Amino acid sequence: MGTLMNVDGKTKDSYKARLDLVAMGIRPKLHLRQVDGKTFLPAPCFTLSPTEKRSFCEFLSTVKLSDGYASNISHCIASCCLRGCLKKDVSKALIELCLFFKELSAKTLRVDVLEQLEKDIVLILCKLEKIFPPSFFDIMIHLCVHLSREAILAGPVQYRWMYAFERYMHILKGYVRNKARPKGSIAEGYIDNEALTFCSIYFNEGETKFNRPERNYDGPIKATQDGNISVFKQKVRGIGAAVNDVLNLKDLKKARWYVLNNCDEVQPYVRQYMDELERQGLRNVQERLESEFHTWFLKYVRAINF
């Protein structure tokens, strides 16, 4: 992302990288140019323009994901967002690289799939070599070639990767208050945390990490809440500032189906309508159920009342 966004200090497309292109005699379109005594770096095909950067950031600011699923935003939506900002060959190579890591990080691995990934990653890196400068391909990029074989020999990566240890090292580094004695600070902070954790187990009054409710817990369902239907008895705790919005027809249908499908009192009628669709031998029963159930249910209720 640092190279795509052309972030100073994090991009691989630096001034020295352009000098390497000149020394190697490759990609003359990206060589340094002298204009009126000033040196310019021609814009490559893999960096975003200011307008594209703004649209990319606006997309990231408006996207909504389920709680706990956006810890690594680059794994979730970065590839989909870049598809509309970069050229087709550039975005295709990056998406193929993302899919490689997605398959490699699966909980269940198949040997035939891993063997195919071992062949595909070579072609993917060749595509990237045609796009990015040689400085981009350090030892970490070369490591991708061996990851598939390592997974074949050692199994799923979830049992071997270092993310858990790196996260805990970040916690330990946060204990450092005296930079002249970092080891002593970490030791004292670890002991204090262990003592507080042990004591908090026996604290019945007050909030601790052992009795603290979940972040998005809205509380138990109370019979005193307004309404006689279960879906309207639940307490709701807003997250963030309130925003007034008007739903379009597509979003309105999704919201209406969500309410009906999560209402216990409506479930017998949902199963009844599903049985009718199955008896008719229709295809796409689930899609028809989501799009047509509310109309059938409204007619059914009116027929009962009248």
Protein backbone atom coordinates (compact mmCIF):
# COMPACT_ATOMS: atom_id res chain seq x y z
CA MET A 1 0.00 0.00 0.00
CA GLY A 2 2.89 2.35 0.67
CA THR A 3 4.09 1.92 -2.91
CA LEU A 4 0.61 2.24 -4.42
CA MET A 5 -0.16 5.35 -2.38
CA ASN A 6 3.38 6.71 -2.95
CA VAL A 7 3.92 7.35 0.77
CA ASP A 8 7.26 8.98 1.57
CA GLY A 9 9.55 6.61 3.42
CA LYS A 10 7.39 3.56 2.68
CA THR A 11 7.30 3.42 -1.10
CA LYS A 12 9.66 1.18 -3.03
CA ASP A 13 9.58 3.57 -5.98
CA SER A 14 12.16 6.05 -4.64
CA TYR A 15 14.80 8.25 -6.23
CA LYS A 16 17.45 5.56 -5.81
CA ALA A 17 15.12 2.98 -7.37
CA ARG A 18 14.91 5.15 -10.49
CA LEU A 19 18.70 5.38 -10.59
CA ASP A 20 18.77 1.57 -10.55
CA LEU A 21 16.55 1.53 -13.63
CA VAL A 22 18.95 3.87 -15.40
CA ALA A 23 21.96 1.74 -14.41
CA MET A 24 20.23 -1.46 -15.58
CA GLY A 25 19.03 0.15 -18.80
CA ILE A 26 15.42 -0.98 -18.44
CA ARG A 27 12.07 0.85 -18.56
CA PRO A 28 13.23 4.07 -20.18
CA LYS A 29 9.81 5.64 -19.63
CA LEU A 30 10.49 5.69 -15.88
CA HIS A 31 14.01 7.16 -16.07
CA LEU A 32 14.72 10.45 -14.33
CA ARG A 33 14.08 13.55 -16.42
CA GLN A 34 15.78 16.91 -16.22
CA VAL A 35 13.58 19.92 -16.97
CA ASP A 36 14.96 23.44 -16.41
CA GLY A 37 17.56 22.13 -13.99
CA LYS A 38 14.99 20.19 -11.95
CA THR A 39 14.72 16.41 -11.66
CA PHE A 40 11.32 14.80 -12.18
CA LEU A 41 10.17 11.24 -11.60
CA PRO A 42 7.65 10.17 -14.28
CA ALA A 43 4.47 8.74 -12.79
CA PRO A 44 4.40 4.92 -13.03
CA CYS A 45 1.33 2.84 -13.76
CA PHE A 46 1.15 1.38 -10.24
CA THR A 47 0.75 4.59 -8.24
CA LEU A 48 -2.53 6.36 -7.60
CA SER A 49 -3.20 9.93 -8.65
CA PRO A 50 -4.37 12.45 -6.02
CA THR A 51 -7.96 12.02 -7.21
CA GLU A 52 -7.69 8.23 -7.03
CA LYS A 53 -6.15 8.43 -3.56
CA ARG A 54 -9.04 10.59 -2.39
CA SER A 55 -11.65 8.22 -3.82
CA PHE A 56 -9.82 5.25 -2.30
CA CYS A 57 -9.78 6.84 1.16
CA GLU A 58 -13.43 7.87 0.84
CA PHE A 59 -14.33 4.28 0.01
CA LEU A 60 -12.47 3.01 3.07
CA SER A 61 -14.18 5.57 5.30
CA THR A 62 -17.68 4.55 4.17
CA VAL A 63 -17.32 0.76 4.02
CA LYS A 64 -19.04 -1.19 6.81
CA LEU A 65 -17.98 -4.63 8.01
CA SER A 66 -19.12 -6.93 10.77
CA ASP A 67 -17.61 -6.35 14.19
CA GLY A 68 -14.20 -8.01 14.47
CA TYR A 69 -13.76 -8.56 10.73
CA ALA A 70 -11.79 -5.42 9.86
CA SER A 71 -8.61 -6.01 11.86
CA ASN A 72 -6.65 -6.17 8.62
CA ILE A 73 -8.44 -3.96 6.13
CA SER A 74 -6.06 -4.87 3.31
CA HIS A 75 -7.24 -8.51 3.42
CA CYS A 76 -10.90 -7.50 3.31
CA ILE A 77 -11.51 -4.87 0.67
CA ALA A 78 -8.25 -3.30 -0.53
CA SER A 79 -8.05 -5.50 -3.63
CA CYS A 80 -11.71 -4.82 -4.55
CA CYS A 81 -11.25 -1.08 -4.12
CA LEU A 82 -8.06 -0.92 -6.18
CA ARG A 83 -9.75 -2.67 -9.07
CA GLY A 84 -11.41 0.55 -10.13
CA CYS A 85 -8.37 2.76 -9.52
CA LEU A 86 -5.53 0.93 -11.28
CA LYS A 87 -5.07 -0.42 -14.77
CA LYS A 88 -6.50 -3.82 -15.53
CA ASP A 89 -3.17 -5.67 -15.74
CA VAL A 90 -1.93 -4.10 -12.48
CA SER A 91 -5.11 -4.77 -10.50
CA LYS A 92 -5.37 -8.30 -11.90
CA ALA A 93 -1.85 -9.18 -10.72
CA LEU A 94 -2.51 -7.76 -7.26
CA ILE A 95 -5.85 -9.57 -6.94
CA GLU A 96 -4.19 -12.84 -7.94
CA LEU A 97 -1.60 -12.27 -5.20
CA CYS A 98 -4.39 -11.62 -2.67
CA LEU A 99 -6.19 -14.80 -3.73
CA PHE A 100 -2.95 -16.74 -3.31
CA PHE A 101 -2.69 -15.68 0.33
CA LYS A 102 -6.41 -16.26 0.85
CA GLU A 103 -6.10 -19.89 -0.27
CA LEU A 104 -2.89 -20.33 1.69
CA SER A 105 -4.50 -19.04 4.92
CA ALA A 106 -7.54 -21.32 4.73
CA LYS A 107 -8.30 -23.48 7.75
CA THR A 108 -8.49 -26.59 5.56
CA LEU A 109 -5.77 -27.18 2.98
CA ARG A 110 -5.68 -29.64 0.10
CA VAL A 111 -2.41 -30.93 -1.29
CA ASP A 112 -3.52 -30.60 -4.92
CA VAL A 113 -4.53 -26.97 -4.36
CA LEU A 114 -1.22 -26.18 -2.68
CA GLU A 115 0.70 -27.77 -5.54
CA GLN A 116 -1.21 -25.60 -7.99
CA LEU A 117 -0.52 -22.52 -5.85
CA GLU A 118 3.18 -23.38 -5.95
CA LYS A 119 3.03 -23.12 -9.74
CA ASP A 120 0.77 -20.06 -9.82
CA ILE A 121 2.88 -17.92 -7.51
CA VAL A 122 5.78 -18.08 -9.97
CA LEU A 123 3.62 -16.63 -12.74
CA ILE A 124 2.16 -14.03 -10.37
CA LEU A 125 5.61 -12.80 -9.37
CA CYS A 126 6.63 -12.65 -13.03
CA LYS A 127 3.63 -10.40 -13.70
CA LEU A 128 4.59 -8.19 -10.77
CA GLU A 129 8.18 -7.94 -12.04
CA LYS A 130 6.83 -6.40 -15.24
CA ILE A 131 5.02 -3.74 -13.20
CA PHE A 132 7.01 -2.82 -10.09
CA PRO A 133 10.66 -1.71 -9.92
CA PRO A 134 13.42 -4.18 -8.94
CA SER A 135 13.68 -2.56 -5.48
CA PHE A 136 10.20 -3.91 -4.70
CA PHE A 137 11.40 -7.52 -4.81
CA ASP A 138 13.23 -8.04 -1.54
CA ILE A 139 13.64 -11.29 0.38
CA MET A 140 10.06 -11.14 1.71
CA ILE A 141 8.62 -11.18 -1.82
CA HIS A 142 10.87 -14.08 -2.76
CA LEU A 143 9.64 -15.95 0.32
CA CYS A 144 6.20 -16.34 -1.31
CA VAL A 145 7.68 -18.97 -3.64
CA HIS A 146 8.35 -21.32 -0.70
CA LEU A 147 5.13 -20.79 1.28
CA SER A 148 3.09 -23.41 -0.58
CA ARG A 149 5.74 -26.08 -0.11
CA GLU A 150 6.04 -25.13 3.55
CA ALA A 151 2.26 -25.57 3.98
CA ILE A 152 2.45 -29.00 2.34
CA LEU A 153 5.14 -30.09 4.78
CA ALA A 154 3.94 -28.36 7.97
CA GLY A 155 0.17 -27.97 7.61
CA PRO A 156 -2.14 -24.94 8.06
CA VAL A 157 -0.41 -21.66 8.77
CA GLN A 158 -2.67 -20.77 11.72
CA TYR A 159 -0.64 -23.11 13.93
CA ARG A 160 2.72 -21.70 12.86
CA TRP A 161 2.48 -17.97 12.18
CA MET A 162 3.88 -15.34 14.52
CA TYR A 163 0.93 -12.93 14.75
CA ALA A 164 0.05 -13.95 18.32
CA PHE A 165 3.63 -13.48 19.51
CA GLU A 166 3.99 -10.17 17.69
CA ARG A 167 0.80 -8.87 19.28
CA TYR A 168 2.01 -9.91 22.72
CA MET A 169 5.40 -8.28 22.09
CA HIS A 170 3.52 -5.06 21.37
CA ILE A 171 1.83 -5.38 24.77
CA LEU A 172 5.17 -5.98 26.51
CA LYS A 173 6.77 -3.00 24.79
CA GLY A 174 3.93 -0.86 26.11
CA TYR A 175 5.16 -1.59 29.65
CA VAL A 176 8.41 0.29 29.01
CA ARG A 177 8.51 3.57 30.94
CA ASN A 178 12.25 3.87 31.48
CA LYS A 179 13.91 3.52 28.09
CA ALA A 180 17.30 3.20 29.78
CA ARG A 181 16.10 -0.05 31.43
CA PRO A 182 13.59 -1.62 29.01
CA LYS A 183 14.02 -5.19 30.29
CA GLY A 184 13.36 -4.18 33.88
CA SER A 185 10.30 -2.16 32.86
CA ILE A 186 8.88 -5.12 30.96
CA ALA A 187 9.50 -7.46 33.91
CA GLU A 188 7.82 -5.10 36.41
CA GLY A 189 4.89 -4.47 34.08
CA TYR A 190 4.41 -8.21 33.52
CA ILE A 191 4.43 -8.90 37.28
CA ASP A 192 1.96 -6.09 37.94
CA ASN A 193 -0.37 -7.38 35.23
CA GLU A 194 -0.22 -10.92 36.61
CA ALA A 195 -0.97 -9.69 40.15
CA LEU A 196 -3.90 -7.53 39.04
CA THR A 197 -5.29 -10.34 36.90
CA PHE A 198 -5.11 -12.78 39.83
CA CYS A 199 -6.82 -10.33 42.20
CA SER A 200 -9.54 -9.37 39.74
CA ILE A 201 -10.77 -12.98 39.65
CA TYR A 202 -12.00 -12.59 43.24
CA PHE A 203 -13.54 -9.11 42.86
CA ASN A 204 -17.31 -9.50 42.79
CA GLU A 205 -18.02 -5.78 42.85
CA GLY A 206 -16.80 -3.53 40.11
CA GLU A 207 -16.05 -4.21 36.49
CA THR A 208 -13.08 -6.40 35.55
CA LYS A 209 -12.07 -8.12 32.35
CA PHE A 210 -13.64 -11.33 33.70
CA ASN A 211 -17.14 -9.91 34.20
CA ARG A 212 -17.08 -7.12 31.64
CA PRO A 213 -19.90 -7.48 29.04
CA GLU A 214 -19.07 -7.71 25.37
CA ARG A 215 -18.43 -4.51 23.50
CA ASN A 216 -21.68 -4.64 21.52
CA TYR A 217 -23.85 -6.27 24.18
CA ASP A 218 -27.19 -4.48 24.37
CA GLY A 219 -28.47 -6.15 27.51
CA PRO A 220 -31.06 -8.87 28.15
CA ILE A 221 -34.51 -8.90 26.60
CA LYS A 222 -37.04 -7.58 29.11
CA ALA A 223 -40.74 -8.28 29.10
CA THR A 224 -41.40 -4.69 30.12
CA GLN A 225 -40.17 -3.36 26.78
CA ASP A 226 -42.78 -1.80 24.53
CA GLY A 227 -44.35 -4.17 22.01
CA ASN A 228 -45.71 -7.69 22.08
CA ILE A 229 -43.44 -9.17 19.39
CA SER A 230 -40.01 -10.51 20.35
CA VAL A 231 -38.09 -8.59 17.72
CA PHE A 232 -39.32 -5.30 19.19
CA LYS A 233 -38.56 -6.22 22.81
CA GLN A 234 -34.81 -6.09 22.35
CA LYS A 235 -32.82 -3.19 23.66
CA VAL A 236 -30.68 -1.31 21.15
CA ARG A 237 -27.55 0.67 21.90
CA GLY A 238 -26.49 3.02 19.15
CA ILE A 239 -22.91 3.04 17.88
CA GLY A 240 -21.57 6.40 16.78
CA ALA A 241 -23.50 9.52 15.90
CA ALA A 242 -27.00 9.29 14.46
CA VAL A 243 -27.30 9.87 10.73
CA ASN A 244 -30.61 10.48 8.95
CA ASP A 245 -30.86 8.54 5.72
CA VAL A 246 -33.53 7.45 3.26
CA LEU A 247 -33.38 3.81 2.20
CA ASN A 248 -33.73 2.94 -1.43
CA LEU A 249 -36.10 0.18 -2.50
CA LYS A 250 -33.38 -2.50 -2.52
CA ASP A 251 -32.16 -1.71 1.00
CA LEU A 252 -35.75 -1.42 2.24
CA LYS A 253 -36.50 -4.95 1.03
CA LYS A 254 -33.39 -6.29 2.77
CA ALA A 255 -34.32 -4.56 6.03
CA ARG A 256 -37.89 -5.84 5.85
CA TRP A 257 -36.74 -9.41 5.23
CA TYR A 258 -34.23 -9.17 8.09
CA VAL A 259 -36.97 -8.16 10.53
CA LEU A 260 -39.38 -10.85 9.37
CA ASN A 261 -36.73 -13.57 9.26
CA ASN A 262 -35.52 -12.79 12.80
CA CYS A 263 -38.96 -12.64 14.38
CA ASP A 264 -39.84 -15.85 16.24
CA GLU A 265 -43.57 -15.31 15.78
CA VAL A 266 -43.22 -15.21 11.98
CA GLN A 267 -41.07 -18.33 11.60
CA PRO A 268 -44.05 -20.77 11.28
CA TYR A 269 -45.38 -18.71 8.35
CA VAL A 270 -41.92 -18.59 6.75
CA ARG A 271 -41.75 -22.38 6.84
CA GLN A 272 -45.31 -22.61 5.49
CA TYR A 273 -44.52 -20.42 2.50
CA MET A 274 -41.26 -22.29 1.90
CA ASP A 275 -43.20 -25.59 1.81
CA GLU A 276 -45.58 -24.11 -0.77
CA LEU A 277 -42.68 -23.07 -2.99
CA GLU A 278 -41.07 -26.49 -2.71
CA ARG A 279 -44.34 -28.23 -3.60
CA GLN A 280 -44.57 -26.09 -6.74
CA GLY A 281 -41.11 -27.34 -7.77
CA LEU A 282 -39.77 -23.82 -8.28
CA ARG A 283 -36.09 -23.00 -8.47
CA ASN A 284 -34.25 -20.51 -6.30
CA VAL A 285 -36.57 -21.06 -3.35
CA GLN A 286 -34.43 -18.97 -1.02
CA GLU A 287 -34.35 -15.99 -3.39
CA ARG A 288 -38.09 -16.16 -3.92
CA LEU A 289 -38.60 -16.44 -0.18
CA GLU A 290 -36.64 -13.26 0.47
CA SER A 291 -38.28 -11.26 -2.33
CA GLU A 292 -41.89 -12.50 -2.21
CA PHE A 293 -42.58 -13.57 1.36
CA HIS A 294 -43.59 -10.14 2.65
CA THR A 295 -46.27 -9.84 -0.06
CA TRP A 296 -47.62 -13.33 0.64
CA PHE A 297 -47.54 -12.72 4.38
CA LEU A 298 -49.46 -9.43 4.06
CA LYS A 299 -52.20 -11.12 2.00
CA TYR A 300 -52.31 -14.01 4.47
CA VAL A 301 -52.80 -11.70 7.47
CA ARG A 302 -55.49 -9.68 5.69
CA ALA A 303 -57.33 -12.87 4.78
CA ILE A 304 -57.36 -13.95 8.42
CA ASN A 305 -58.66 -10.60 9.67
CA PHE A 306 -61.38 -10.33 7.09
